[in-house]
Amino acid sequence: MNWYLTVLKKYAVFSGRARRKEYWMFVLFNFLIIIALSVVGDILDFRLLSSIYQLAVLVPSIAAGFRRVHDVGKSGWFLLIPIYNLILACTEGTKGDNKYGADPKAATEIAAS
């Protein structure tokens, strides 16, 4: 859940890098929340509930995608290429610094020490 909140705190930050774990944990929690809101919306007969949530997290989702692609060393515009962006999202990030910023994995490993 902490990774999900980290992405929301960086609401519209398109610069920098995001680890695979940050990105995929956000995707997982986002998916679970959408499912839960769909069920609650069906129970309350308010089916727009999950759509409103999805619209609210659209910008953070795109920003997290940009940062994830930056971690691999590519431009954020590669999100527009459907299969390739999935491959990039699953690829391990560049070790060390790249032109998009410092290695986020190295920063968390140092903090954990």
PDB file of N, CA and C in Angstrom:
ATOM      1  N   MET A   1       0.826  -1.198   0.000  1.00  0.00           N
ATOM      2  CA  MET A   1       0.000   0.000   0.000  1.00  0.00           C
ATOM      3  C   MET A   1       0.866   1.256   0.000  1.00  0.00           C
ATOM      4  N   ASN A   2       2.051   1.158   0.608  1.00  0.00           N
ATOM      5  CA  ASN A   2       2.957   2.292   0.673  1.00  0.00           C
ATOM      6  C   ASN A   2       3.382   2.739  -0.731  1.00  0.00           C
ATOM      7  N   TRP A   3       3.594   1.756  -1.622  1.00  0.00           N
ATOM      8  CA  TRP A   3       3.990   2.089  -2.998  1.00  0.00           C
ATOM      9  C   TRP A   3       2.873   2.827  -3.716  1.00  0.00           C
ATOM     10  N   TYR A   4       1.630   2.433  -3.460  1.00  0.00           N
ATOM     11  CA  TYR A   4       0.478   3.088  -4.064  1.00  0.00           C
ATOM     12  C   TYR A   4       0.413   4.553  -3.631  1.00  0.00           C
ATOM     13  N   LEU A   5       0.598   4.779  -2.340  1.00  0.00           N
ATOM     14  CA  LEU A   5       0.566   6.152  -1.819  1.00  0.00           C
ATOM     15  C   LEU A   5       1.736   6.978  -2.331  1.00  0.00           C
ATOM     16  N   THR A   6       2.888   6.332  -2.553  1.00  0.00           N
ATOM     17  CA  THR A   6       4.045   7.040  -3.099  1.00  0.00           C
ATOM     18  C   THR A   6       3.721   7.601  -4.472  1.00  0.00           C
ATOM     19  N   VAL A   7       3.062   6.806  -5.297  1.00  0.00           N
ATOM     20  CA  VAL A   7       2.691   7.272  -6.638  1.00  0.00           C
ATOM     21  C   VAL A   7       1.690   8.418  -6.539  1.00  0.00           C
ATOM     22  N   LEU A   8       0.721   8.322  -5.635  1.00  0.00           N
ATOM     23  CA  LEU A   8      -0.265   9.398  -5.500  1.00  0.00           C
ATOM     24  C   LEU A   8       0.373  10.688  -4.986  1.00  0.00           C
ATOM     25  N   LYS A   9       1.404  10.569  -4.140  1.00  0.00           N
ATOM     26  CA  LYS A   9       2.096  11.766  -3.655  1.00  0.00           C
ATOM     27  C   LYS A   9       2.832  12.472  -4.791  1.00  0.00           C
ATOM     28  N   LYS A  10       3.260  11.706  -5.772  1.00  0.00           N
ATOM     29  CA  LYS A  10       3.928  12.273  -6.954  1.00  0.00           C
ATOM     30  C   LYS A  10       2.887  12.448  -8.061  1.00  0.00           C
ATOM     31  N   TYR A  11       1.754  13.032  -7.731  1.00  0.00           N
ATOM     32  CA  TYR A  11       0.568  13.095  -8.585  1.00  0.00           C
ATOM     33  C   TYR A  11       0.867  13.392 -10.052  1.00  0.00           C
ATOM     34  N   ALA A  12       1.583  14.450 -10.328  1.00  0.00           N
ATOM     35  CA  ALA A  12       1.846  14.840 -11.717  1.00  0.00           C
ATOM     36  C   ALA A  12       3.339  15.014 -11.969  1.00  0.00           C
ATOM     37  N   VAL A  13       4.159  14.191 -11.350  1.00  0.00           N
ATOM     38  CA  VAL A  13       5.611  14.255 -11.545  1.00  0.00           C
ATOM     39  C   VAL A  13       5.969  13.308 -12.686  1.00  0.00           C
ATOM     40  N   PHE A  14       6.311  13.882 -13.827  1.00  0.00           N
ATOM     41  CA  PHE A  14       6.648  13.095 -15.003  1.00  0.00           C
ATOM     42  C   PHE A  14       8.157  12.923 -15.158  1.00  0.00           C
ATOM     43  N   SER A  15       8.923  13.552 -14.299  1.00  0.00           N
ATOM     44  CA  SER A  15      10.380  13.432 -14.382  1.00  0.00           C
ATOM     45  C   SER A  15      10.857  12.457 -13.314  1.00  0.00           C
ATOM     46  N   GLY A  16      12.056  11.978 -13.485  1.00  0.00           N
ATOM     47  CA  GLY A  16      12.612  11.038 -12.530  1.00  0.00           C
ATOM     48  C   GLY A  16      12.380   9.606 -12.952  1.00  0.00           C
ATOM     49  N   ARG A  17      12.602   8.702 -12.021  1.00  0.00           N
ATOM     50  CA  ARG A  17      12.536   7.280 -12.320  1.00  0.00           C
ATOM     51  C   ARG A  17      11.689   6.553 -11.277  1.00  0.00           C
ATOM     52  N   ALA A  18      11.068   5.446 -11.690  1.00  0.00           N
ATOM     53  CA  ALA A  18      10.269   4.624 -10.788  1.00  0.00           C
ATOM     54  C   ALA A  18      10.691   3.163 -10.945  1.00  0.00           C
ATOM     55  N   ARG A  19      10.919   2.511  -9.823  1.00  0.00           N
ATOM     56  CA  ARG A  19      11.280   1.096  -9.837  1.00  0.00           C
ATOM     57  C   ARG A  19      10.130   0.243 -10.364  1.00  0.00           C
ATOM     58  N   ARG A  20      10.459  -0.963 -10.790  1.00  0.00           N
ATOM     59  CA  ARG A  20       9.421  -1.910 -11.206  1.00  0.00           C
ATOM     60  C   ARG A  20       8.442  -2.157 -10.068  1.00  0.00           C
ATOM     61  N   LYS A  21       8.969  -2.323  -8.866  1.00  0.00           N
ATOM     62  CA  LYS A  21       8.111  -2.617  -7.723  1.00  0.00           C
ATOM     63  C   LYS A  21       7.108  -1.487  -7.482  1.00  0.00           C
ATOM     64  N   GLU A  22       7.576  -0.254  -7.533  1.00  0.00           N
ATOM     65  CA  GLU A  22       6.677   0.892  -7.346  1.00  0.00           C
ATOM     66  C   GLU A  22       5.575   0.883  -8.386  1.00  0.00           C
ATOM     67  N   TYR A  23       5.953   0.690  -9.636  1.00  0.00           N
ATOM     68  CA  TYR A  23       4.983   0.716 -10.733  1.00  0.00           C
ATOM     69  C   TYR A  23       3.975  -0.426 -10.622  1.00  0.00           C
ATOM     70  N   TRP A  24       4.450  -1.647 -10.453  1.00  0.00           N
ATOM     71  CA  TRP A  24       3.554  -2.798 -10.453  1.00  0.00           C
ATOM     72  C   TRP A  24       2.710  -2.879  -9.188  1.00  0.00           C
ATOM     73  N   MET A  25       3.228  -2.413  -8.064  1.00  0.00           N
ATOM     74  CA  MET A  25       2.393  -2.381  -6.857  1.00  0.00           C
ATOM     75  C   MET A  25       1.273  -1.350  -7.020  1.00  0.00           C
ATOM     76  N   PHE A  26       1.573  -0.231  -7.671  1.00  0.00           N
ATOM     77  CA  PHE A  26       0.537   0.753  -7.960  1.00  0.00           C
ATOM     78  C   PHE A  26      -0.520   0.141  -8.881  1.00  0.00           C
ATOM     79  N   VAL A  27      -0.082  -0.567  -9.913  1.00  0.00           N
ATOM     80  CA  VAL A  27      -1.023  -1.201 -10.838  1.00  0.00           C
ATOM     81  C   VAL A  27      -1.896  -2.211 -10.098  1.00  0.00           C
ATOM     82  N   LEU A  28      -1.281  -3.022  -9.231  1.00  0.00           N
ATOM     83  CA  LEU A  28      -2.026  -4.026  -8.475  1.00  0.00           C
ATOM     84  C   LEU A  28      -3.086  -3.388  -7.574  1.00  0.00           C
ATOM     85  N   PHE A  29      -2.672  -2.426  -6.750  1.00  0.00           N
ATOM     86  CA  PHE A  29      -3.628  -1.790  -5.838  1.00  0.00           C
ATOM     87  C   PHE A  29      -4.692  -1.009  -6.602  1.00  0.00           C
ATOM     88  N   ASN A  30      -4.300  -0.394  -7.700  1.00  0.00           N
ATOM     89  CA  ASN A  30      -5.252   0.326  -8.538  1.00  0.00           C
ATOM     90  C   ASN A  30      -6.310  -0.643  -9.061  1.00  0.00           C
ATOM     91  N   PHE A  31      -5.869  -1.801  -9.537  1.00  0.00           N
ATOM     92  CA  PHE A  31      -6.789  -2.824 -10.045  1.00  0.00           C
ATOM     93  C   PHE A  31      -7.730  -3.309  -8.943  1.00  0.00           C
ATOM     94  N   LEU A  32      -7.193  -3.582  -7.752  1.00  0.00           N
ATOM     95  CA  LEU A  32      -8.018  -4.061  -6.644  1.00  0.00           C
ATOM     96  C   LEU A  32      -9.047  -3.017  -6.213  1.00  0.00           C
ATOM     97  N   ILE A  33      -8.648  -1.761  -6.199  1.00  0.00           N
ATOM     98  CA  ILE A  33      -9.578  -0.681  -5.831  1.00  0.00           C
ATOM     99  C   ILE A  33     -10.674  -0.541  -6.874  1.00  0.00           C
ATOM    100  N   ILE A  34     -10.318  -0.668  -8.145  1.00  0.00           N
ATOM    101  CA  ILE A  34     -11.328  -0.582  -9.212  1.00  0.00           C
ATOM    102  C   ILE A  34     -12.339  -1.718  -9.084  1.00  0.00           C
ATOM    103  N   ILE A  35     -11.854  -2.929  -8.810  1.00  0.00           N
ATOM    104  CA  ILE A  35     -12.761  -4.071  -8.618  1.00  0.00           C
ATOM    105  C   ILE A  35     -13.686  -3.816  -7.430  1.00  0.00           C
ATOM    106  N   ALA A  36     -13.114  -3.373  -6.308  1.00  0.00           N
ATOM    107  CA  ALA A  36     -13.920  -3.110  -5.112  1.00  0.00           C
ATOM    108  C   ALA A  36     -14.961  -2.023  -5.370  1.00  0.00           C
ATOM    109  N   LEU A  37     -14.551  -0.954  -6.035  1.00  0.00           N
ATOM    110  CA  LEU A  37     -15.497   0.126  -6.325  1.00  0.00           C
ATOM    111  C   LEU A  37     -16.565  -0.309  -7.320  1.00  0.00           C
ATOM    112  N   SER A  38     -16.232  -1.201  -8.228  1.00  0.00           N
ATOM    113  CA  SER A  38     -17.232  -1.734  -9.156  1.00  0.00           C
ATOM    114  C   SER A  38     -18.282  -2.545  -8.409  1.00  0.00           C
ATOM    115  N   VAL A  39     -17.835  -3.364  -7.458  1.00  0.00           N
ATOM    116  CA  VAL A  39     -18.770  -4.168  -6.658  1.00  0.00           C
ATOM    117  C   VAL A  39     -19.651  -3.259  -5.810  1.00  0.00           C
ATOM    118  N   VAL A  40     -19.026  -2.304  -5.139  1.00  0.00           N
ATOM    119  CA  VAL A  40     -19.797  -1.360  -4.307  1.00  0.00           C
ATOM    120  C   VAL A  40     -20.746  -0.545  -5.184  1.00  0.00           C
ATOM    121  N   GLY A  41     -20.288  -0.135  -6.348  1.00  0.00           N
ATOM    122  CA  GLY A  41     -21.141   0.618  -7.265  1.00  0.00           C
ATOM    123  C   GLY A  41     -22.338  -0.187  -7.733  1.00  0.00           C
ATOM    124  N   ASP A  42     -22.120  -1.478  -7.969  1.00  0.00           N
ATOM    125  CA  ASP A  42     -23.248  -2.341  -8.356  1.00  0.00           C
ATOM    126  C   ASP A  42     -24.240  -2.500  -7.210  1.00  0.00           C
ATOM    127  N   ILE A  43     -23.718  -2.649  -5.998  1.00  0.00           N
ATOM    128  CA  ILE A  43     -24.598  -2.791  -4.832  1.00  0.00           C
ATOM    129  C   ILE A  43     -25.415  -1.519  -4.618  1.00  0.00           C
ATOM    130  N   LEU A  44     -24.757  -0.366  -4.749  1.00  0.00           N
ATOM    131  CA  LEU A  44     -25.431   0.917  -4.531  1.00  0.00           C
ATOM    132  C   LEU A  44     -26.172   1.415  -5.770  1.00  0.00           C
ATOM    133  N   ASP A  45     -26.086   0.649  -6.848  1.00  0.00           N
ATOM    134  CA  ASP A  45     -26.672   1.038  -8.137  1.00  0.00           C
ATOM    135  C   ASP A  45     -26.126   2.389  -8.610  1.00  0.00           C
ATOM    136  N   PHE A  46     -24.827   2.573  -8.409  1.00  0.00           N
ATOM    137  CA  PHE A  46     -24.119   3.772  -8.860  1.00  0.00           C
ATOM    138  C   PHE A  46     -22.862   3.312  -9.594  1.00  0.00           C
ATOM    139  N   ARG A  47     -23.039   2.896 -10.820  1.00  0.00           N
ATOM    140  CA  ARG A  47     -21.965   2.256 -11.589  1.00  0.00           C
ATOM    141  C   ARG A  47     -20.872   3.221 -12.024  1.00  0.00           C
ATOM    142  N   LEU A  48     -21.085   4.499 -11.861  1.00  0.00           N
ATOM    143  CA  LEU A  48     -20.064   5.481 -12.223  1.00  0.00           C
ATOM    144  C   LEU A  48     -18.959   5.601 -11.176  1.00  0.00           C
ATOM    145  N   LEU A  49     -19.129   4.957 -10.035  1.00  0.00           N
ATOM    146  CA  LEU A  49     -18.172   5.085  -8.941  1.00  0.00           C
ATOM    147  C   LEU A  49     -16.760   4.708  -9.366  1.00  0.00           C
ATOM    148  N   SER A  50     -16.589   3.554 -10.007  1.00  0.00           N
ATOM    149  CA  SER A  50     -15.245   3.135 -10.429  1.00  0.00           C
ATOM    150  C   SER A  50     -14.732   4.022 -11.559  1.00  0.00           C
ATOM    151  N   SER A  51     -15.615   4.521 -12.405  1.00  0.00           N
ATOM    152  CA  SER A  51     -15.191   5.419 -13.493  1.00  0.00           C
ATOM    153  C   SER A  51     -14.674   6.748 -12.951  1.00  0.00           C
ATOM    154  N   ILE A  52     -15.322   7.249 -11.925  1.00  0.00           N
ATOM    155  CA  ILE A  52     -14.879   8.497 -11.292  1.00  0.00           C
ATOM    156  C   ILE A  52     -13.491   8.301 -10.681  1.00  0.00           C
ATOM    157  N   TYR A  53     -13.301   7.164 -10.014  1.00  0.00           N
ATOM    158  CA  TYR A  53     -11.985   6.859  -9.441  1.00  0.00           C
ATOM    159  C   TYR A  53     -10.921   6.751 -10.541  1.00  0.00           C
ATOM    160  N   GLN A  54     -11.237   6.042 -11.615  1.00  0.00           N
ATOM    161  CA  GLN A  54     -10.282   5.875 -12.707  1.00  0.00           C
ATOM    162  C   GLN A  54      -9.903   7.216 -13.323  1.00  0.00           C
ATOM    163  N   LEU A  55     -10.855   8.098 -13.433  1.00  0.00           N
ATOM    164  CA  LEU A  55     -10.566   9.437 -13.947  1.00  0.00           C
ATOM    165  C   LEU A  55      -9.673  10.208 -12.973  1.00  0.00           C
ATOM    166  N   ALA A  56      -9.891  10.009 -11.676  1.00  0.00           N
ATOM    167  CA  ALA A  56      -9.093  10.706 -10.657  1.00  0.00           C
ATOM    168  C   ALA A  56      -7.634  10.242 -10.665  1.00  0.00           C
ATOM    169  N   VAL A  57      -7.387   8.979 -10.968  1.00  0.00           N
ATOM    170  CA  VAL A  57      -6.009   8.464 -10.943  1.00  0.00           C
ATOM    171  C   VAL A  57      -5.387   8.363 -12.344  1.00  0.00           C
ATOM    172  N   LEU A  58      -6.027   8.962 -13.334  1.00  0.00           N
ATOM    173  CA  LEU A  58      -5.489   8.923 -14.695  1.00  0.00           C
ATOM    174  C   LEU A  58      -4.125   9.602 -14.785  1.00  0.00           C
ATOM    175  N   VAL A  59      -4.010  10.806 -14.259  1.00  0.00           N
ATOM    176  CA  VAL A  59      -2.731  11.536 -14.323  1.00  0.00           C
ATOM    177  C   VAL A  59      -1.633  10.827 -13.535  1.00  0.00           C
ATOM    178  N   PRO A  60      -1.885  10.361 -12.289  1.00  0.00           N
ATOM    179  CA  PRO A  60      -0.830   9.622 -11.590  1.00  0.00           C
ATOM    180  C   PRO A  60      -0.428   8.332 -12.309  1.00  0.00           C
ATOM    181  N   SER A  61      -1.373   7.674 -12.967  1.00  0.00           N
ATOM    182  CA  SER A  61      -1.062   6.447 -13.700  1.00  0.00           C
ATOM    183  C   SER A  61      -0.127   6.729 -14.867  1.00  0.00           C
ATOM    184  N   ILE A  62      -0.417   7.780 -15.597  1.00  0.00           N
ATOM    185  CA  ILE A  62       0.434   8.148 -16.728  1.00  0.00           C
ATOM    186  C   ILE A  62       1.802   8.603 -16.230  1.00  0.00           C
ATOM    187  N   ALA A  63       1.823   9.380 -15.155  1.00  0.00           N
ATOM    188  CA  ALA A  63       3.097   9.848 -14.595  1.00  0.00           C
ATOM    189  C   ALA A  63       3.946   8.679 -14.115  1.00  0.00           C
ATOM    190  N   ALA A  64       3.328   7.693 -13.459  1.00  0.00           N
ATOM    191  CA  ALA A  64       4.074   6.506 -13.003  1.00  0.00           C
ATOM    192  C   ALA A  64       4.612   5.730 -14.197  1.00  0.00           C
ATOM    193  N   GLY A  65       3.836   5.647 -15.255  1.00  0.00           N
ATOM    194  CA  GLY A  65       4.295   4.987 -16.476  1.00  0.00           C
ATOM    195  C   GLY A  65       5.487   5.693 -17.088  1.00  0.00           C
ATOM    196  N   PHE A  66       5.434   7.019 -17.137  1.00  0.00           N
ATOM    197  CA  PHE A  66       6.561   7.800 -17.653  1.00  0.00           C
ATOM    198  C   PHE A  66       7.812   7.538 -16.831  1.00  0.00           C
ATOM    199  N   ARG A  67       7.670   7.600 -15.503  1.00  0.00           N
ATOM    200  CA  ARG A  67       8.834   7.379 -14.632  1.00  0.00           C
ATOM    201  C   ARG A  67       9.367   5.959 -14.767  1.00  0.00           C
ATOM    202  N   ARG A  68       8.470   4.983 -14.967  1.00  0.00           N
ATOM    203  CA  ARG A  68       8.911   3.594 -15.135  1.00  0.00           C
ATOM    204  C   ARG A  68       9.729   3.437 -16.415  1.00  0.00           C
ATOM    205  N   VAL A  69       9.264   4.039 -17.500  1.00  0.00           N
ATOM    206  CA  VAL A  69       9.983   3.965 -18.772  1.00  0.00           C
ATOM    207  C   VAL A  69      11.310   4.714 -18.665  1.00  0.00           C
ATOM    208  N   HIS A  70      11.329   5.812 -17.923  1.00  0.00           N
ATOM    209  CA  HIS A  70      12.583   6.544 -17.695  1.00  0.00           C
ATOM    210  C   HIS A  70      13.599   5.674 -16.976  1.00  0.00           C
ATOM    211  N   ASP A  71      13.144   4.790 -16.083  1.00  0.00           N
ATOM    212  CA  ASP A  71      14.048   3.932 -15.343  1.00  0.00           C
ATOM    213  C   ASP A  71      14.806   2.982 -16.275  1.00  0.00           C
ATOM    214  N   VAL A  72      14.196   2.645 -17.390  1.00  0.00           N
ATOM    215  CA  VAL A  72      14.838   1.764 -18.376  1.00  0.00           C
ATOM    216  C   VAL A  72      15.735   2.579 -19.309  1.00  0.00           C
ATOM    217  N   GLY A  73      15.662   3.902 -19.222  1.00  0.00           N
ATOM    218  CA  GLY A  73      16.508   4.759 -20.045  1.00  0.00           C
ATOM    219  C   GLY A  73      15.848   5.215 -21.331  1.00  0.00           C
ATOM    220  N   LYS A  74      14.536   5.088 -21.423  1.00  0.00           N
ATOM    221  CA  LYS A  74      13.804   5.484 -22.624  1.00  0.00           C
ATOM    222  C   LYS A  74      12.944   6.708 -22.337  1.00  0.00           C
ATOM    223  N   SER A  75      12.525   7.361 -23.401  1.00  0.00           N
ATOM    224  CA  SER A  75      11.636   8.504 -23.281  1.00  0.00           C
ATOM    225  C   SER A  75      10.250   8.044 -22.843  1.00  0.00           C
ATOM    226  N   GLY A  76       9.554   8.881 -22.116  1.00  0.00           N
ATOM    227  CA  GLY A  76       8.208   8.561 -21.665  1.00  0.00           C
ATOM    228  C   GLY A  76       7.224   8.369 -22.800  1.00  0.00           C
ATOM    229  N   TRP A  77       7.529   8.891 -23.955  1.00  0.00           N
ATOM    230  CA  TRP A  77       6.634   8.759 -25.099  1.00  0.00           C
ATOM    231  C   TRP A  77       6.530   7.324 -25.596  1.00  0.00           C
ATOM    232  N   PHE A  78       7.416   6.446 -25.138  1.00  0.00           N
ATOM    233  CA  PHE A  78       7.318   5.038 -25.505  1.00  0.00           C
ATOM    234  C   PHE A  78       6.077   4.380 -24.905  1.00  0.00           C
ATOM    235  N   LEU A  79       5.396   5.067 -23.987  1.00  0.00           N
ATOM    236  CA  LEU A  79       4.132   4.556 -23.456  1.00  0.00           C
ATOM    237  C   LEU A  79       3.071   4.436 -24.546  1.00  0.00           C
ATOM    238  N   LEU A  80       3.246   5.173 -25.626  1.00  0.00           N
ATOM    239  CA  LEU A  80       2.261   5.151 -26.709  1.00  0.00           C
ATOM    240  C   LEU A  80       2.366   3.915 -27.591  1.00  0.00           C
ATOM    241  N   ILE A  81       3.414   3.119 -27.417  1.00  0.00           N
ATOM    242  CA  ILE A  81       3.594   1.906 -28.213  1.00  0.00           C
ATOM    243  C   ILE A  81       3.140   0.727 -27.349  1.00  0.00           C
ATOM    244  N   PRO A  82       1.974   0.147 -27.642  1.00  0.00           N
ATOM    245  CA  PRO A  82       1.323  -0.802 -26.722  1.00  0.00           C
ATOM    246  C   PRO A  82       2.169  -1.974 -26.224  1.00  0.00           C
ATOM    247  N   ILE A  83       2.666  -2.825 -27.055  1.00  0.00           N
ATOM    248  CA  ILE A  83       3.384  -4.011 -26.580  1.00  0.00           C
ATOM    249  C   ILE A  83       4.751  -3.632 -26.030  1.00  0.00           C
ATOM    250  N   TYR A  84       5.408  -2.699 -26.692  1.00  0.00           N
ATOM    251  CA  TYR A  84       6.754  -2.307 -26.273  1.00  0.00           C
ATOM    252  C   TYR A  84       6.741  -1.689 -24.871  1.00  0.00           C
ATOM    253  N   ASN A  85       5.709  -0.903 -24.544  1.00  0.00           N
ATOM    254  CA  ASN A  85       5.679  -0.303 -23.198  1.00  0.00           C
ATOM    255  C   ASN A  85       5.486  -1.366 -22.125  1.00  0.00           C
ATOM    256  N   LEU A  86       4.783  -2.453 -22.434  1.00  0.00           N
ATOM    257  CA  LEU A  86       4.659  -3.555 -21.479  1.00  0.00           C
ATOM    258  C   LEU A  86       6.006  -4.239 -21.269  1.00  0.00           C
ATOM    259  N   ILE A  87       6.755  -4.413 -22.348  1.00  0.00           N
ATOM    260  CA  ILE A  87       8.092  -5.003 -22.244  1.00  0.00           C
ATOM    261  C   ILE A  87       8.992  -4.105 -21.398  1.00  0.00           C
ATOM    262  N   LEU A  88       8.930  -2.801 -21.628  1.00  0.00           N
ATOM    263  CA  LEU A  88       9.740  -1.868 -20.841  1.00  0.00           C
ATOM    264  C   LEU A  88       9.334  -1.863 -19.373  1.00  0.00           C
ATOM    265  N   ALA A  89       8.032  -1.989 -19.104  1.00  0.00           N
ATOM    266  CA  ALA A  89       7.564  -1.992 -17.716  1.00  0.00           C
ATOM    267  C   ALA A  89       8.046  -3.225 -16.958  1.00  0.00           C
ATOM    268  N   CYS A  90       8.315  -4.300 -17.688  1.00  0.00           N
ATOM    269  CA  CYS A  90       8.781  -5.545 -17.058  1.00  0.00           C
ATOM    270  C   CYS A  90      10.305  -5.651 -17.013  1.00  0.00           C
ATOM    271  N   THR A  91      10.991  -4.780 -17.730  1.00  0.00           N
ATOM    272  CA  THR A  91      12.446  -4.828 -17.819  1.00  0.00           C
ATOM    273  C   THR A  91      13.077  -4.172 -16.602  1.00  0.00           C
ATOM    274  N   GLU A  92      14.181  -4.756 -16.140  1.00  0.00           N
ATOM    275  CA  GLU A  92      14.901  -4.160 -15.016  1.00  0.00           C
ATOM    276  C   GLU A  92      15.457  -2.804 -15.432  1.00  0.00           C
ATOM    277  N   GLY A  93      15.450  -1.864 -14.519  1.00  0.00           N
ATOM    278  CA  GLY A  93      15.933  -0.519 -14.797  1.00  0.00           C
ATOM    279  C   GLY A  93      17.435  -0.455 -14.977  1.00  0.00           C
ATOM    280  N   THR A  94      17.883   0.638 -15.543  1.00  0.00           N
ATOM    281  CA  THR A  94      19.299   0.877 -15.737  1.00  0.00           C
ATOM    282  C   THR A  94      19.983   0.992 -14.380  1.00  0.00           C
ATOM    283  N   LYS A  95      21.067   0.262 -14.211  1.00  0.00           N
ATOM    284  CA  LYS A  95      21.824   0.352 -12.956  1.00  0.00           C
ATOM    285  C   LYS A  95      22.604   1.662 -12.948  1.00  0.00           C
ATOM    286  N   GLY A  96      22.594   2.324 -11.820  1.00  0.00           N
ATOM    287  CA  GLY A  96      23.271   3.609 -11.712  1.00  0.00           C
ATOM    288  C   GLY A  96      22.429   4.722 -12.301  1.00  0.00           C
ATOM    289  N   ASP A  97      23.019   5.882 -12.358  1.00  0.00           N
ATOM    290  CA  ASP A  97      22.320   7.057 -12.884  1.00  0.00           C
ATOM    291  C   ASP A  97      22.159   6.955 -14.394  1.00  0.00           C
ATOM    292  N   ASN A  98      21.087   7.534 -14.904  1.00  0.00           N
ATOM    293  CA  ASN A  98      20.936   7.729 -16.339  1.00  0.00           C
ATOM    294  C   ASN A  98      20.480   9.174 -16.559  1.00  0.00           C
ATOM    295  N   LYS A  99      20.161   9.530 -17.790  1.00  0.00           N
ATOM    296  CA  LYS A  99      19.844  10.933 -18.068  1.00  0.00           C
ATOM    297  C   LYS A  99      18.533  11.396 -17.431  1.00  0.00           C
ATOM    298  N   TYR A 100      17.765  10.461 -16.871  1.00  0.00           N
ATOM    299  CA  TYR A 100      16.494  10.821 -16.237  1.00  0.00           C
ATOM    300  C   TYR A 100      16.589  10.935 -14.721  1.00  0.00           C
ATOM    301  N   GLY A 101      17.742  10.586 -14.159  1.00  0.00           N
ATOM    302  CA  GLY A 101      17.907  10.745 -12.717  1.00  0.00           C
ATOM    303  C   GLY A 101      18.701   9.622 -12.087  1.00  0.00           C
ATOM    304  N   ALA A 102      18.732   9.662 -10.771  1.00  0.00           N
ATOM    305  CA  ALA A 102      19.474   8.668  -9.996  1.00  0.00           C
ATOM    306  C   ALA A 102      18.708   7.349  -9.961  1.00  0.00           C
ATOM    307  N   ASP A 103      19.437   6.278  -9.728  1.00  0.00           N
ATOM    308  CA  ASP A 103      18.852   4.945  -9.653  1.00  0.00           C
ATOM    309  C   ASP A 103      17.991   4.840  -8.389  1.00  0.00           C
ATOM    310  N   PRO A 104      16.656   4.681  -8.513  1.00  0.00           N
ATOM    311  CA  PRO A 104      15.805   4.616  -7.330  1.00  0.00           C
ATOM    312  C   PRO A 104      16.030   3.349  -6.510  1.00  0.00           C
ATOM    313  N   LYS A 105      16.451   2.291  -7.147  1.00  0.00           N
ATOM    314  CA  LYS A 105      16.709   1.039  -6.429  1.00  0.00           C
ATOM    315  C   LYS A 105      17.923   1.186  -5.537  1.00  0.00           C
ATOM    316  N   ALA A 106      18.968   1.843  -6.035  1.00  0.00           N
ATOM    317  CA  ALA A 106      20.168   2.056  -5.235  1.00  0.00           C
ATOM    318  C   ALA A 106      19.865   2.963  -4.039  1.00  0.00           C
ATOM    319  N   ALA A 107      19.002   3.951  -4.233  1.00  0.00           N
ATOM    320  CA  ALA A 107      18.654   4.876  -3.145  1.00  0.00           C
ATOM    321  C   ALA A 107      17.916   4.142  -2.028  1.00  0.00           C
ATOM    322  N   THR A 108      17.032   3.209  -2.369  1.00  0.00           N
ATOM    323  CA  THR A 108      16.308   2.480  -1.325  1.00  0.00           C
ATOM    324  C   THR A 108      17.189   1.438  -0.662  1.00  0.00           C
ATOM    325  N   GLU A 109      18.149   0.876  -1.393  1.00  0.00           N
ATOM    326  CA  GLU A 109      19.072  -0.085  -0.789  1.00  0.00           C
ATOM    327  C   GLU A 109      19.991   0.595   0.204  1.00  0.00           C
ATOM    328  N   ILE A 110      20.416   1.818  -0.102  1.00  0.00           N
ATOM    329  CA  ILE A 110      21.268   2.578   0.816  1.00  0.00           C
ATOM    330  C   ILE A 110      20.477   2.940   2.072  1.00  0.00           C
ATOM    331  N   ALA A 111      19.211   3.340   1.894  1.00  0.00           N
ATOM    332  CA  ALA A 111      18.359   3.721   3.024  1.00  0.00           C
ATOM    333  C   ALA A 111      18.094   2.518   3.943  1.00  0.00           C
ATOM    334  N   ALA A 112      18.005   1.325   3.340  1.00  0.00           N
ATOM    335  CA  ALA A 112      17.723   0.124   4.128  1.00  0.00           C
ATOM    336  C   ALA A 112      18.939  -0.315   4.944  1.00  0.00           C
ATOM    337  N   SER A 113      20.131   0.097   4.538  1.00  0.00           N
ATOM    338  CA  SER A 113      21.363  -0.318   5.237  1.00  0.00           C
ATOM    339  C   SER A 113      21.514   0.347   6.579  1.00  0.00           C
TER     340      SER A 113
END
